[in-house]
Amino acid sequence: MKLWSDWGFTAASWRGERGEYWVLGQAFLLVAFAVLPVYYPSGWVKPQGLWLSLLWAIAAILGLGAILLLGSALYYLGQSLTPLPYPRSDGSLVQGGTYRYVRHPIYSGLIFVTLAWSLYQVSCSHLLGSLVLAIFLNAKASREEVWLGEKYPEYSDYRHRVKKLIPWVY
């Protein structure tokens, strides 16, 4: 149970003051994505041959990028890691490693891995699930940034230098 308290969970946590409900929403969306059935619109022909290979190559690149983002983000966060969007009281603002290119690489990695799976499966239902997850994680990141800005005065400058979810793009 020490891990839970280290992460910022307390007996009074479920009032939502540290973003506990954002964590539940994210968990729900990830589980829902995992159990989504593959869906193709009626009359739609699944790509074959070169087109399918191209989709799978893009999926592989996205999947590899997701693994690199997630692994690097977890490594560089170190003791500042928490599932809550509210920053740890003993944490520090991480700006090195993956965080030089994107402010929320864990969220980016989750979006990229779901997108990779959607392309690999050539599934419209999974593509829609990726979009819903991306919208949710963007909103969660926005809330997290308010708290980060309150805790770290240098966050404003960091926010202007580094993209939010997609390196060099957004």
Protein backbone atom coordinates (compact mmCIF):
# COMPACT_ATOMS: atom_id res chain seq x y z
CA MET A 1 0.00 0.00 0.00
CA LYS A 2 3.00 2.32 0.33
CA LEU A 3 3.16 2.54 -3.47
CA TRP A 4 -0.39 3.94 -3.55
CA SER A 5 0.45 6.60 -0.98
CA ASP A 6 3.73 7.39 -2.77
CA TRP A 7 1.70 7.98 -5.93
CA GLY A 8 -0.55 10.44 -4.09
CA PHE A 9 -3.55 8.26 -3.29
CA THR A 10 -4.97 8.77 0.21
CA ALA A 11 -7.99 7.60 2.17
CA ALA A 12 -9.76 10.77 1.01
CA SER A 13 -8.54 10.42 -2.57
CA TRP A 14 -11.83 9.63 -4.15
CA ARG A 15 -13.07 13.17 -3.83
CA GLY A 16 -11.25 13.64 -7.13
CA GLU A 17 -8.98 16.45 -5.99
CA ARG A 18 -5.89 14.95 -7.62
CA GLY A 19 -7.46 13.61 -10.80
CA GLU A 20 -8.45 10.15 -9.57
CA TYR A 21 -11.46 10.07 -11.87
CA TRP A 22 -9.26 10.87 -14.86
CA VAL A 23 -7.28 7.71 -14.03
CA LEU A 24 -10.48 5.65 -13.84
CA GLY A 25 -11.69 7.08 -17.15
CA GLN A 26 -8.38 6.29 -18.81
CA ALA A 27 -8.42 2.72 -17.46
CA PHE A 28 -11.99 2.26 -18.69
CA LEU A 29 -11.13 3.52 -22.18
CA LEU A 30 -8.05 1.27 -22.44
CA VAL A 31 -10.02 -1.81 -21.36
CA ALA A 32 -12.85 -0.89 -23.74
CA PHE A 33 -10.33 -0.52 -26.57
CA ALA A 34 -8.87 -3.94 -25.79
CA VAL A 35 -12.25 -5.68 -26.06
CA LEU A 36 -13.57 -3.79 -29.09
CA PRO A 37 -14.54 -6.09 -31.94
CA VAL A 38 -12.92 -5.51 -35.32
CA TYR A 39 -15.42 -3.68 -37.53
CA TYR A 40 -15.41 -3.00 -41.26
CA PRO A 41 -18.23 -0.99 -42.86
CA SER A 42 -20.49 -3.11 -45.04
CA GLY A 43 -19.37 -3.09 -48.64
CA TRP A 44 -15.86 -2.04 -47.63
CA VAL A 45 -13.07 -4.20 -48.96
CA LYS A 46 -10.13 -4.83 -46.65
CA PRO A 47 -6.86 -3.75 -48.29
CA GLN A 48 -4.80 -6.56 -49.79
CA GLY A 49 -1.27 -7.04 -51.02
CA LEU A 50 0.87 -3.92 -51.17
CA TRP A 51 -1.72 -1.68 -49.47
CA LEU A 52 -2.04 -4.07 -46.53
CA SER A 53 1.74 -4.31 -46.27
CA LEU A 54 1.97 -0.52 -46.27
CA LEU A 55 -0.61 -0.26 -43.47
CA TRP A 56 1.25 -2.88 -41.45
CA ALA A 57 4.56 -1.06 -42.00
CA ILE A 58 3.01 2.19 -40.73
CA ALA A 59 1.54 0.26 -37.79
CA ALA A 60 4.96 -1.21 -37.00
CA ILE A 61 6.61 2.22 -37.08
CA LEU A 62 3.89 3.68 -34.85
CA GLY A 63 4.12 0.70 -32.49
CA LEU A 64 7.89 0.98 -32.23
CA GLY A 65 7.60 4.72 -31.65
CA ALA A 66 5.01 4.07 -28.94
CA ILE A 67 7.26 1.58 -27.17
CA LEU A 68 10.20 4.01 -27.32
CA LEU A 69 8.08 6.91 -26.02
CA LEU A 70 6.59 4.86 -23.19
CA GLY A 71 9.85 3.24 -22.13
CA SER A 72 11.85 6.45 -22.26
CA ALA A 73 9.14 8.44 -20.46
CA LEU A 74 8.95 5.95 -17.63
CA TYR A 75 12.73 5.91 -17.34
CA TYR A 76 13.11 9.70 -17.25
CA LEU A 77 10.19 10.25 -14.88
CA GLY A 78 11.77 7.97 -12.30
CA GLN A 79 10.56 8.90 -8.81
CA SER A 80 8.20 11.56 -10.21
CA LEU A 81 5.98 8.85 -11.77
CA THR A 82 2.36 8.77 -10.66
CA PRO A 83 -0.78 7.60 -12.45
CA LEU A 84 -2.52 10.73 -11.17
CA PRO A 85 -2.43 13.89 -13.27
CA TYR A 86 -1.70 15.81 -10.06
CA PRO A 87 2.08 16.14 -9.59
CA ARG A 88 3.74 14.34 -6.69
CA SER A 89 4.67 16.56 -3.76
CA ASP A 90 8.23 15.18 -3.86
CA GLY A 91 8.44 15.19 -7.66
CA SER A 92 10.39 17.41 -9.99
CA LEU A 93 9.68 18.86 -13.42
CA VAL A 94 11.31 16.54 -15.94
CA GLN A 95 12.45 18.27 -19.14
CA GLY A 96 15.15 15.89 -20.37
CA GLY A 97 15.10 12.78 -22.52
CA THR A 98 11.79 12.22 -24.28
CA TYR A 99 10.38 15.22 -22.44
CA ARG A 100 12.52 17.48 -24.65
CA TYR A 101 10.27 16.56 -27.60
CA VAL A 102 6.82 16.11 -26.10
CA ARG A 103 5.32 17.18 -22.76
CA HIS A 104 3.19 14.05 -22.26
CA PRO A 105 5.06 11.12 -23.84
CA ILE A 106 3.16 8.47 -21.88
CA TYR A 107 -0.13 9.75 -23.29
CA SER A 108 1.49 10.00 -26.73
CA GLY A 109 2.69 6.43 -26.46
CA LEU A 110 -0.79 5.20 -25.54
CA ILE A 111 -2.32 7.05 -28.47
CA PHE A 112 0.32 5.73 -30.89
CA VAL A 113 0.00 2.13 -29.70
CA THR A 114 -3.79 2.17 -30.10
CA LEU A 115 -3.45 3.76 -33.51
CA ALA A 116 -0.87 1.14 -34.49
CA TRP A 117 -3.24 -1.64 -33.44
CA SER A 118 -6.09 -0.01 -35.37
CA LEU A 119 -4.01 0.05 -38.56
CA TYR A 120 -2.72 -3.48 -38.04
CA GLN A 121 -6.28 -4.76 -37.61
CA VAL A 122 -7.59 -2.40 -40.33
CA SER A 123 -10.48 -1.80 -37.94
CA CYS A 124 -12.78 1.20 -38.04
CA SER A 125 -14.03 0.48 -34.50
CA HIS A 126 -10.47 0.56 -33.17
CA LEU A 127 -9.69 3.70 -35.15
CA LEU A 128 -12.70 5.37 -33.51
CA GLY A 129 -11.51 4.06 -30.12
CA SER A 130 -8.07 5.61 -30.75
CA LEU A 131 -9.72 8.93 -31.55
CA VAL A 132 -11.83 8.85 -28.38
CA LEU A 133 -8.74 7.97 -26.32
CA ALA A 134 -6.74 10.79 -27.95
CA ILE A 135 -9.48 13.33 -27.16
CA PHE A 136 -9.69 12.08 -23.57
CA LEU A 137 -5.91 12.12 -23.03
CA ASN A 138 -5.66 15.61 -24.55
CA ALA A 139 -8.26 16.82 -22.02
CA LYS A 140 -6.49 14.99 -19.18
CA ALA A 141 -3.17 16.54 -20.22
CA SER A 142 -4.77 20.00 -20.24
CA ARG A 143 -5.98 19.51 -16.67
CA GLU A 144 -2.58 18.16 -15.64
CA GLU A 145 -0.87 21.20 -17.14
CA VAL A 146 -2.87 23.53 -14.89
CA TRP A 147 -1.54 21.69 -11.84
CA LEU A 148 2.00 21.54 -13.25
CA GLY A 149 1.91 25.28 -13.91
CA GLU A 150 0.82 25.91 -10.31
CA LYS A 151 3.61 23.78 -8.88
CA TYR A 152 6.49 24.65 -11.22
CA PRO A 153 7.01 28.31 -12.21
CA GLU A 154 9.26 27.22 -15.11
CA TYR A 155 6.44 25.14 -16.65
CA SER A 156 5.11 28.07 -18.67
CA ASP A 157 8.39 28.42 -20.56
CA TYR A 158 8.63 24.65 -21.03
CA ARG A 159 5.06 24.59 -22.35
CA HIS A 160 5.91 27.16 -25.02
CA ARG A 161 9.06 25.32 -26.15
CA VAL A 162 7.78 21.72 -26.30
CA LYS A 163 4.75 20.25 -28.10
CA LYS A 164 1.97 18.65 -26.07
CA LEU A 165 1.29 15.17 -27.52
CA ILE A 166 2.81 14.73 -30.98
CA PRO A 167 6.51 15.58 -31.23
CA TRP A 168 7.15 18.65 -33.44
CA VAL A 169 3.45 18.80 -34.43
CA TYR A 170 0.99 19.23 -31.51
